[in-house]
Amino acid sequence: MIKKILISQPKPASDKSPYYDIAEEFGVELVFRPFIKVEGLSSKEFREQKVSILNYSAVVFTSRHAIDNFFGLSKEMRLEIPEEMKYFCVTEQIALYIQKYVQYRKRKVFFGTTGKIVDLIPTMAKHKAEKYLIPMSDVHDNSVKEMLDAKKLQHTECVMYRTISNDFTEEEKKSFDYDMCIFFSPSGINAFKKTFGDERNDIAVATFGPSTAKAAHEANLKIAIEAPSERHHSMTGALREFLEKNK
């Protein structure tokens, strides 16, 4: 039975998070503890990629980290982002986060529903004239490039931030008594394996995103939940169903 769950993300800023509803409904203890930290590239590091942000008419955001570092680097380099710049986001939540930096206008902000970039591409394909910039982490594969190439879209991928391990203390290792861990990136899986090796391959694992699931399978972890799915677009929805079935 699942009684204590470690979630590899920062604690939600709002008390209205669905995670808290799940904790109360099923009597489980949730602990938020990121396995990785995100660190933005400096403007000097970014310039080494020879990418000029103002040469692009649209930006594709796959996460809030991408948004923070895109606008952070733009500010550091004293670039004024044009009003007509368009933004394509994998979810509405990420799209709404843009309001932290620019005025939200539906005519220039587009978003998907599943959190997968493959489901955003049909919308992007309707704007073939755009030159797309895709800010990414240092940990990525060529899947996005291949999908956009297949649609003959003009695009450039660039690294704007890196993920580094948020190492466990010796005390945390000794007191590790969780029944389930929830991961949101391959980097989180790698950090877990770096800390525990094969010692905790028995723990139930939930993964979000296909690349995270792939990393978990390759690490021989015991996968109990894979999200998003056709039934559940969110991790909380998938977790709720799992706990309901395993009371």
C-alpha atoms as a PDB file:
ATOM      1  CA  MET A   1       0.000   0.000   0.000  1.00  0.00           C
ATOM      2  CA  ILE A   2       1.204   3.503  -0.873  1.00  0.00           C
ATOM      3  CA  LYS A   3       1.369   5.720   2.225  1.00  0.00           C
ATOM      4  CA  LYS A   4       4.306   8.065   1.582  1.00  0.00           C
ATOM      5  CA  ILE A   5       5.183   9.618  -1.789  1.00  0.00           C
ATOM      6  CA  LEU A   6       8.230  11.638  -2.791  1.00  0.00           C
ATOM      7  CA  ILE A   7       7.488  14.123  -5.581  1.00  0.00           C
ATOM      8  CA  SER A   8      10.593  15.359  -7.390  1.00  0.00           C
ATOM      9  CA  GLN A   9       9.329  18.910  -7.841  1.00  0.00           C
ATOM     10  CA  PRO A  10       9.294  22.060  -5.703  1.00  0.00           C
ATOM     11  CA  LYS A  11       6.416  22.459  -3.278  1.00  0.00           C
ATOM     12  CA  PRO A  12       3.374  24.032  -5.003  1.00  0.00           C
ATOM     13  CA  ALA A  13       3.083  27.770  -4.489  1.00  0.00           C
ATOM     14  CA  SER A  14      -0.668  27.526  -4.002  1.00  0.00           C
ATOM     15  CA  ASP A  15      -2.558  25.683  -1.261  1.00  0.00           C
ATOM     16  CA  LYS A  16      -5.137  24.817  -3.917  1.00  0.00           C
ATOM     17  CA  SER A  17      -2.867  22.321  -5.659  1.00  0.00           C
ATOM     18  CA  PRO A  18      -4.685  19.064  -6.550  1.00  0.00           C
ATOM     19  CA  TYR A  19      -1.841  17.212  -4.831  1.00  0.00           C
ATOM     20  CA  TYR A  20      -3.153  18.420  -1.464  1.00  0.00           C
ATOM     21  CA  ASP A  21      -6.651  17.179  -2.331  1.00  0.00           C
ATOM     22  CA  ILE A  22      -5.172  13.765  -3.111  1.00  0.00           C
ATOM     23  CA  ALA A  23      -3.253  13.689   0.183  1.00  0.00           C
ATOM     24  CA  GLU A  24      -6.413  14.434   2.137  1.00  0.00           C
ATOM     25  CA  GLU A  25      -8.664  12.075   0.175  1.00  0.00           C
ATOM     26  CA  PHE A  26      -6.374   9.045   0.318  1.00  0.00           C
ATOM     27  CA  GLY A  27      -4.528   9.707   3.565  1.00  0.00           C
ATOM     28  CA  VAL A  28      -1.101   9.704   1.938  1.00  0.00           C
ATOM     29  CA  GLU A  29       1.884  11.801   2.963  1.00  0.00           C
ATOM     30  CA  LEU A  30       3.397  13.858   0.143  1.00  0.00           C
ATOM     31  CA  VAL A  31       6.937  15.221   0.319  1.00  0.00           C
ATOM     32  CA  PHE A  32       8.158  17.651  -2.358  1.00  0.00           C
ATOM     33  CA  ARG A  33      11.891  17.390  -2.925  1.00  0.00           C
ATOM     34  CA  PRO A  34      13.459  18.219  -6.329  1.00  0.00           C
ATOM     35  CA  PHE A  35      16.123  15.758  -7.500  1.00  0.00           C
ATOM     36  CA  ILE A  36      17.522  18.302  -9.925  1.00  0.00           C
ATOM     37  CA  LYS A  37      18.131  22.029 -10.071  1.00  0.00           C
ATOM     38  CA  VAL A  38      17.849  24.201 -13.152  1.00  0.00           C
ATOM     39  CA  GLU A  39      20.617  26.667 -13.852  1.00  0.00           C
ATOM     40  CA  GLY A  40      20.418  29.238 -16.625  1.00  0.00           C
ATOM     41  CA  LEU A  41      23.252  29.779 -19.080  1.00  0.00           C
ATOM     42  CA  SER A  42      25.083  33.083 -18.903  1.00  0.00           C
ATOM     43  CA  SER A  43      24.781  35.439 -21.870  1.00  0.00           C
ATOM     44  CA  LYS A  44      28.415  34.637 -22.727  1.00  0.00           C
ATOM     45  CA  GLU A  45      27.680  30.896 -22.835  1.00  0.00           C
ATOM     46  CA  PHE A  46      24.544  31.458 -24.887  1.00  0.00           C
ATOM     47  CA  ARG A  47      26.339  33.636 -27.444  1.00  0.00           C
ATOM     48  CA  GLU A  48      28.760  30.777 -28.139  1.00  0.00           C
ATOM     49  CA  GLN A  49      25.852  29.028 -29.913  1.00  0.00           C
ATOM     50  CA  LYS A  50      25.713  31.923 -32.402  1.00  0.00           C
ATOM     51  CA  VAL A  51      21.920  32.202 -32.132  1.00  0.00           C
ATOM     52  CA  SER A  52      20.340  35.643 -32.501  1.00  0.00           C
ATOM     53  CA  ILE A  53      17.004  35.750 -30.671  1.00  0.00           C
ATOM     54  CA  LEU A  54      15.721  38.705 -32.683  1.00  0.00           C
ATOM     55  CA  ASN A  55      16.091  36.741 -35.925  1.00  0.00           C
ATOM     56  CA  TYR A  56      13.051  34.682 -34.942  1.00  0.00           C
ATOM     57  CA  SER A  57       9.353  35.513 -35.109  1.00  0.00           C
ATOM     58  CA  ALA A  58       8.044  32.770 -32.796  1.00  0.00           C
ATOM     59  CA  VAL A  59       9.235  30.917 -29.704  1.00  0.00           C
ATOM     60  CA  VAL A  60       8.220  27.413 -28.616  1.00  0.00           C
ATOM     61  CA  PHE A  61       8.044  26.854 -24.857  1.00  0.00           C
ATOM     62  CA  THR A  62       7.949  23.358 -23.364  1.00  0.00           C
ATOM     63  CA  SER A  63       8.291  24.423 -19.722  1.00  0.00           C
ATOM     64  CA  ARG A  64       8.289  27.357 -17.324  1.00  0.00           C
ATOM     65  CA  HIS A  65      12.071  27.032 -17.099  1.00  0.00           C
ATOM     66  CA  ALA A  66      12.257  27.742 -20.828  1.00  0.00           C
ATOM     67  CA  ILE A  67      10.160  30.898 -20.354  1.00  0.00           C
ATOM     68  CA  ASP A  68      12.187  32.146 -17.371  1.00  0.00           C
ATOM     69  CA  ASN A  69      15.502  31.651 -19.132  1.00  0.00           C
ATOM     70  CA  PHE A  70      14.362  33.035 -22.492  1.00  0.00           C
ATOM     71  CA  PHE A  71      13.230  36.312 -20.949  1.00  0.00           C
ATOM     72  CA  GLY A  72      16.096  36.292 -18.442  1.00  0.00           C
ATOM     73  CA  LEU A  73      18.727  36.006 -21.172  1.00  0.00           C
ATOM     74  CA  SER A  74      16.931  38.571 -23.316  1.00  0.00           C
ATOM     75  CA  LYS A  75      17.044  41.029 -20.431  1.00  0.00           C
ATOM     76  CA  GLU A  76      20.685  40.268 -19.652  1.00  0.00           C
ATOM     77  CA  MET A  77      21.577  40.896 -23.309  1.00  0.00           C
ATOM     78  CA  ARG A  78      19.413  44.036 -23.327  1.00  0.00           C
ATOM     79  CA  LEU A  79      17.189  42.784 -26.117  1.00  0.00           C
ATOM     80  CA  GLU A  80      13.727  44.240 -26.589  1.00  0.00           C
ATOM     81  CA  ILE A  81      11.395  41.441 -27.634  1.00  0.00           C
ATOM     82  CA  PRO A  82       9.098  42.670 -30.433  1.00  0.00           C
ATOM     83  CA  GLU A  83       5.398  43.072 -29.665  1.00  0.00           C
ATOM     84  CA  GLU A  84       4.552  40.878 -32.650  1.00  0.00           C
ATOM     85  CA  MET A  85       6.575  37.895 -31.353  1.00  0.00           C
ATOM     86  CA  LYS A  86       4.386  34.766 -31.220  1.00  0.00           C
ATOM     87  CA  TYR A  87       4.546  32.110 -28.503  1.00  0.00           C
ATOM     88  CA  PHE A  88       3.660  28.429 -28.871  1.00  0.00           C
ATOM     89  CA  CYS A  89       3.340  26.459 -25.614  1.00  0.00           C
ATOM     90  CA  VAL A  90       2.721  22.753 -24.949  1.00  0.00           C
ATOM     91  CA  THR A  91      -0.004  23.490 -22.337  1.00  0.00           C
ATOM     92  CA  GLU A  92      -2.320  26.339 -21.411  1.00  0.00           C
ATOM     93  CA  GLN A  93      -0.709  26.541 -17.955  1.00  0.00           C
ATOM     94  CA  ILE A  94       2.670  27.250 -19.524  1.00  0.00           C
ATOM     95  CA  ALA A  95       1.062  29.768 -21.893  1.00  0.00           C
ATOM     96  CA  LEU A  96      -0.512  31.646 -18.988  1.00  0.00           C
ATOM     97  CA  TYR A  97       2.904  31.803 -17.258  1.00  0.00           C
ATOM     98  CA  ILE A  98       4.091  34.121 -20.046  1.00  0.00           C
ATOM     99  CA  GLN A  99       2.052  36.856 -18.333  1.00  0.00           C
ATOM    100  CA  LYS A 100       4.901  37.113 -15.844  1.00  0.00           C
ATOM    101  CA  TYR A 101       6.928  38.795 -18.597  1.00  0.00           C
ATOM    102  CA  VAL A 102       4.632  40.120 -21.338  1.00  0.00           C
ATOM    103  CA  GLN A 103       1.017  41.069 -21.825  1.00  0.00           C
ATOM    104  CA  TYR A 104      -0.998  37.978 -22.699  1.00  0.00           C
ATOM    105  CA  ARG A 105      -2.761  38.297 -26.035  1.00  0.00           C
ATOM    106  CA  LYS A 106      -4.592  35.342 -27.528  1.00  0.00           C
ATOM    107  CA  ARG A 107      -3.757  36.426 -31.054  1.00  0.00           C
ATOM    108  CA  LYS A 108      -0.062  35.743 -30.419  1.00  0.00           C
ATOM    109  CA  VAL A 109      -0.157  32.904 -27.836  1.00  0.00           C
ATOM    110  CA  PHE A 110      -1.013  29.350 -28.884  1.00  0.00           C
ATOM    111  CA  PHE A 111      -1.061  26.201 -26.773  1.00  0.00           C
ATOM    112  CA  GLY A 112      -1.620  22.468 -26.870  1.00  0.00           C
ATOM    113  CA  THR A 113      -3.651  20.319 -24.500  1.00  0.00           C
ATOM    114  CA  THR A 114      -1.601  17.193 -23.808  1.00  0.00           C
ATOM    115  CA  GLY A 115       1.824  18.544 -22.826  1.00  0.00           C
ATOM    116  CA  LYS A 116       3.414  16.803 -25.826  1.00  0.00           C
ATOM    117  CA  ILE A 117       5.055  18.911 -28.497  1.00  0.00           C
ATOM    118  CA  VAL A 118       3.865  16.487 -31.187  1.00  0.00           C
ATOM    119  CA  ASP A 119       0.300  17.668 -30.495  1.00  0.00           C
ATOM    120  CA  LEU A 120       1.360  21.317 -30.832  1.00  0.00           C
ATOM    121  CA  ILE A 121       2.972  20.832 -34.245  1.00  0.00           C
ATOM    122  CA  PRO A 122      -0.298  20.927 -36.268  1.00  0.00           C
ATOM    123  CA  THR A 123      -0.905  24.432 -34.875  1.00  0.00           C
ATOM    124  CA  MET A 124       2.662  25.438 -35.702  1.00  0.00           C
ATOM    125  CA  ALA A 125       2.228  24.052 -39.219  1.00  0.00           C
ATOM    126  CA  LYS A 126      -0.620  26.520 -39.777  1.00  0.00           C
ATOM    127  CA  HIS A 127       1.993  29.278 -39.328  1.00  0.00           C
ATOM    128  CA  LYS A 128       4.573  28.039 -41.815  1.00  0.00           C
ATOM    129  CA  ALA A 129       5.964  31.526 -42.439  1.00  0.00           C
ATOM    130  CA  GLU A 130       7.232  31.823 -38.851  1.00  0.00           C
ATOM    131  CA  LYS A 131      10.846  31.249 -37.893  1.00  0.00           C
ATOM    132  CA  TYR A 132      10.692  29.177 -34.708  1.00  0.00           C
ATOM    133  CA  LEU A 133      13.196  29.304 -31.838  1.00  0.00           C
ATOM    134  CA  ILE A 134      13.020  26.417 -29.358  1.00  0.00           C
ATOM    135  CA  PRO A 135      14.783  27.039 -26.001  1.00  0.00           C
ATOM    136  CA  MET A 136      15.869  23.729 -24.477  1.00  0.00           C
ATOM    137  CA  SER A 137      17.752  22.132 -21.618  1.00  0.00           C
ATOM    138  CA  ASP A 138      21.245  20.760 -22.151  1.00  0.00           C
ATOM    139  CA  VAL A 139      19.628  17.315 -21.778  1.00  0.00           C
ATOM    140  CA  HIS A 140      17.625  16.647 -24.941  1.00  0.00           C
ATOM    141  CA  ASP A 141      17.531  14.457 -28.014  1.00  0.00           C
ATOM    142  CA  ASN A 142      16.837  15.184 -31.690  1.00  0.00           C
ATOM    143  CA  SER A 143      13.156  14.202 -31.612  1.00  0.00           C
ATOM    144  CA  VAL A 144      11.849  17.799 -31.726  1.00  0.00           C
ATOM    145  CA  LYS A 145      14.152  18.695 -34.600  1.00  0.00           C
ATOM    146  CA  GLU A 146      13.083  15.617 -36.557  1.00  0.00           C
ATOM    147  CA  MET A 147       9.363  16.348 -36.053  1.00  0.00           C
ATOM    148  CA  LEU A 148       9.713  19.960 -37.204  1.00  0.00           C
ATOM    149  CA  ASP A 149      11.918  18.974 -40.145  1.00  0.00           C
ATOM    150  CA  ALA A 150       9.201  16.535 -41.232  1.00  0.00           C
ATOM    151  CA  LYS A 151       6.742  19.433 -41.429  1.00  0.00           C
ATOM    152  CA  LYS A 152       9.306  21.601 -43.248  1.00  0.00           C
ATOM    153  CA  LEU A 153       9.120  24.315 -40.589  1.00  0.00           C
ATOM    154  CA  GLN A 154      11.893  26.883 -40.165  1.00  0.00           C
ATOM    155  CA  HIS A 155      13.353  26.276 -36.710  1.00  0.00           C
ATOM    156  CA  THR A 156      16.417  26.397 -34.510  1.00  0.00           C
ATOM    157  CA  GLU A 157      16.930  24.593 -31.208  1.00  0.00           C
ATOM    158  CA  CYS A 158      19.169  26.247 -28.630  1.00  0.00           C
ATOM    159  CA  VAL A 159      20.276  25.481 -25.083  1.00  0.00           C
ATOM    160  CA  MET A 160      19.266  28.153 -22.572  1.00  0.00           C
ATOM    161  CA  TYR A 161      19.495  26.227 -19.298  1.00  0.00           C
ATOM    162  CA  ARG A 162      21.080  23.153 -17.796  1.00  0.00           C
ATOM    163  CA  THR A 163      19.974  20.637 -15.216  1.00  0.00           C
ATOM    164  CA  ILE A 164      22.283  19.653 -12.391  1.00  0.00           C
ATOM    165  CA  SER A 165      21.833  17.053  -9.674  1.00  0.00           C
ATOM    166  CA  ASN A 166      20.409  18.236  -6.351  1.00  0.00           C
ATOM    167  CA  ASP A 167      22.316  15.673  -4.313  1.00  0.00           C
ATOM    168  CA  PHE A 168      20.848  13.929  -1.275  1.00  0.00           C
ATOM    169  CA  THR A 169      22.507  14.404   2.084  1.00  0.00           C
ATOM    170  CA  GLU A 170      23.668  11.345   4.032  1.00  0.00           C
ATOM    171  CA  GLU A 171      20.821  11.954   6.493  1.00  0.00           C
ATOM    172  CA  GLU A 172      18.282  11.987   3.642  1.00  0.00           C
ATOM    173  CA  LYS A 173      19.650   8.686   2.321  1.00  0.00           C
ATOM    174  CA  LYS A 174      19.375   7.003   5.720  1.00  0.00           C
ATOM    175  CA  SER A 175      15.813   8.228   6.322  1.00  0.00           C
ATOM    176  CA  PHE A 176      14.546   7.389   2.815  1.00  0.00           C
ATOM    177  CA  ASP A 177      11.304   5.549   3.596  1.00  0.00           C
ATOM    178  CA  TYR A 178       9.038   6.303   0.628  1.00  0.00           C
ATOM    179  CA  ASP A 179       6.650   3.886  -1.057  1.00  0.00           C
ATOM    180  CA  MET A 180       6.591   5.789  -4.355  1.00  0.00           C
ATOM    181  CA  CYS A 181       8.661   8.377  -6.230  1.00  0.00           C
ATOM    182  CA  ILE A 182       7.267  10.644  -8.941  1.00  0.00           C
ATOM    183  CA  PHE A 183       9.662  11.795 -11.670  1.00  0.00           C
ATOM    184  CA  PHE A 184       9.221  14.488 -14.320  1.00  0.00           C
ATOM    185  CA  SER A 185      12.493  14.267 -16.267  1.00  0.00           C
ATOM    186  CA  PRO A 186      15.233  11.810 -17.232  1.00  0.00           C
ATOM    187  CA  SER A 187      17.605  13.959 -15.160  1.00  0.00           C
ATOM    188  CA  GLY A 188      15.539  13.148 -12.062  1.00  0.00           C
ATOM    189  CA  ILE A 189      15.870   9.423 -12.811  1.00  0.00           C
ATOM    190  CA  ASN A 190      19.628   9.832 -13.262  1.00  0.00           C
ATOM    191  CA  ALA A 191      19.931  11.691  -9.950  1.00  0.00           C
ATOM    192  CA  PHE A 192      17.974   8.938  -8.183  1.00  0.00           C
ATOM    193  CA  LYS A 193      20.223   6.223  -9.631  1.00  0.00           C
ATOM    194  CA  LYS A 194      23.323   8.230  -8.793  1.00  0.00           C
ATOM    195  CA  THR A 195      22.213   8.339  -5.157  1.00  0.00           C
ATOM    196  CA  PHE A 196      20.860   4.817  -4.663  1.00  0.00           C
ATOM    197  CA  GLY A 197      22.260   2.707  -7.488  1.00  0.00           C
ATOM    198  CA  ASP A 198      20.211  -0.514  -7.586  1.00  0.00           C
ATOM    199  CA  GLU A 199      19.398  -0.443  -3.864  1.00  0.00           C
ATOM    200  CA  ARG A 200      15.879   0.972  -4.292  1.00  0.00           C
ATOM    201  CA  ASN A 201      14.736  -0.591  -7.562  1.00  0.00           C
ATOM    202  CA  ASP A 202      11.831  -2.035  -5.575  1.00  0.00           C
ATOM    203  CA  ILE A 203      10.153   1.333  -5.018  1.00  0.00           C
ATOM    204  CA  ALA A 204       7.036   2.152  -7.099  1.00  0.00           C
ATOM    205  CA  VAL A 205       7.744   4.843  -9.683  1.00  0.00           C
ATOM    206  CA  ALA A 206       5.496   7.297 -11.534  1.00  0.00           C
ATOM    207  CA  THR A 207       6.828   9.068 -14.631  1.00  0.00           C
ATOM    208  CA  PHE A 208       5.638  12.083 -16.605  1.00  0.00           C
ATOM    209  CA  GLY A 209       6.574  12.318 -20.250  1.00  0.00           C
ATOM    210  CA  PRO A 210       7.827   9.663 -22.692  1.00  0.00           C
ATOM    211  CA  SER A 211      11.518  10.475 -22.211  1.00  0.00           C
ATOM    212  CA  THR A 212      11.166  10.117 -18.430  1.00  0.00           C
ATOM    213  CA  ALA A 213       9.395   6.774 -18.832  1.00  0.00           C
ATOM    214  CA  LYS A 214      12.124   5.592 -21.221  1.00  0.00           C
ATOM    215  CA  ALA A 215      14.830   6.527 -18.699  1.00  0.00           C
ATOM    216  CA  ALA A 216      12.964   4.696 -15.924  1.00  0.00           C
ATOM    217  CA  HIS A 217      12.626   1.540 -18.043  1.00  0.00           C
ATOM    218  CA  GLU A 218      16.327   1.668 -18.919  1.00  0.00           C
ATOM    219  CA  ALA A 219      17.143   2.053 -15.206  1.00  0.00           C
ATOM    220  CA  ASN A 220      15.071  -1.083 -14.439  1.00  0.00           C
ATOM    221  CA  LEU A 221      12.790   0.799 -12.076  1.00  0.00           C
ATOM    222  CA  LYS A 222       9.384  -0.514 -11.049  1.00  0.00           C
ATOM    223  CA  ILE A 223       7.031   1.706 -13.058  1.00  0.00           C
ATOM    224  CA  ALA A 224       3.505   1.924 -11.667  1.00  0.00           C
ATOM    225  CA  ILE A 225       2.261   5.032 -13.507  1.00  0.00           C
ATOM    226  CA  GLU A 226       3.096   6.549 -16.888  1.00  0.00           C
ATOM    227  CA  ALA A 227       1.555   9.931 -17.694  1.00  0.00           C
ATOM    228  CA  PRO A 228       0.297  11.704 -19.705  1.00  0.00           C
ATOM    229  CA  SER A 229      -2.025   9.121 -21.241  1.00  0.00           C
ATOM    230  CA  GLU A 230      -5.253   9.117 -23.226  1.00  0.00           C
ATOM    231  CA  ARG A 231      -7.150   8.881 -19.932  1.00  0.00           C
ATOM    232  CA  HIS A 232      -5.116  11.391 -17.945  1.00  0.00           C
ATOM    233  CA  HIS A 233      -3.233  14.416 -19.242  1.00  0.00           C
ATOM    234  CA  SER A 234      -1.886  15.281 -15.785  1.00  0.00           C
ATOM    235  CA  MET A 235       0.163  13.438 -13.205  1.00  0.00           C
ATOM    236  CA  THR A 236      -2.405  14.211 -10.499  1.00  0.00           C
ATOM    237  CA  GLY A 237      -5.183  12.599 -12.533  1.00  0.00           C
ATOM    238  CA  ALA A 238      -3.113   9.457 -13.108  1.00  0.00           C
ATOM    239  CA  LEU A 239      -2.028   9.336  -9.461  1.00  0.00           C
ATOM    240  CA  ARG A 240      -5.600   9.670  -8.212  1.00  0.00           C
ATOM    241  CA  GLU A 241      -6.750   6.747 -10.373  1.00  0.00           C
ATOM    242  CA  PHE A 242      -3.819   4.600  -9.229  1.00  0.00           C
ATOM    243  CA  LEU A 243      -4.487   5.250  -5.545  1.00  0.00           C
ATOM    244  CA  GLU A 244      -8.203   4.582  -6.032  1.00  0.00           C
ATOM    245  CA  LYS A 245      -7.420   1.178  -7.564  1.00  0.00           C
ATOM    246  CA  ASN A 246      -4.832   0.318  -4.900  1.00  0.00           C
ATOM    247  CA  LYS A 247      -6.636   1.282  -1.697  1.00  0.00           C
END
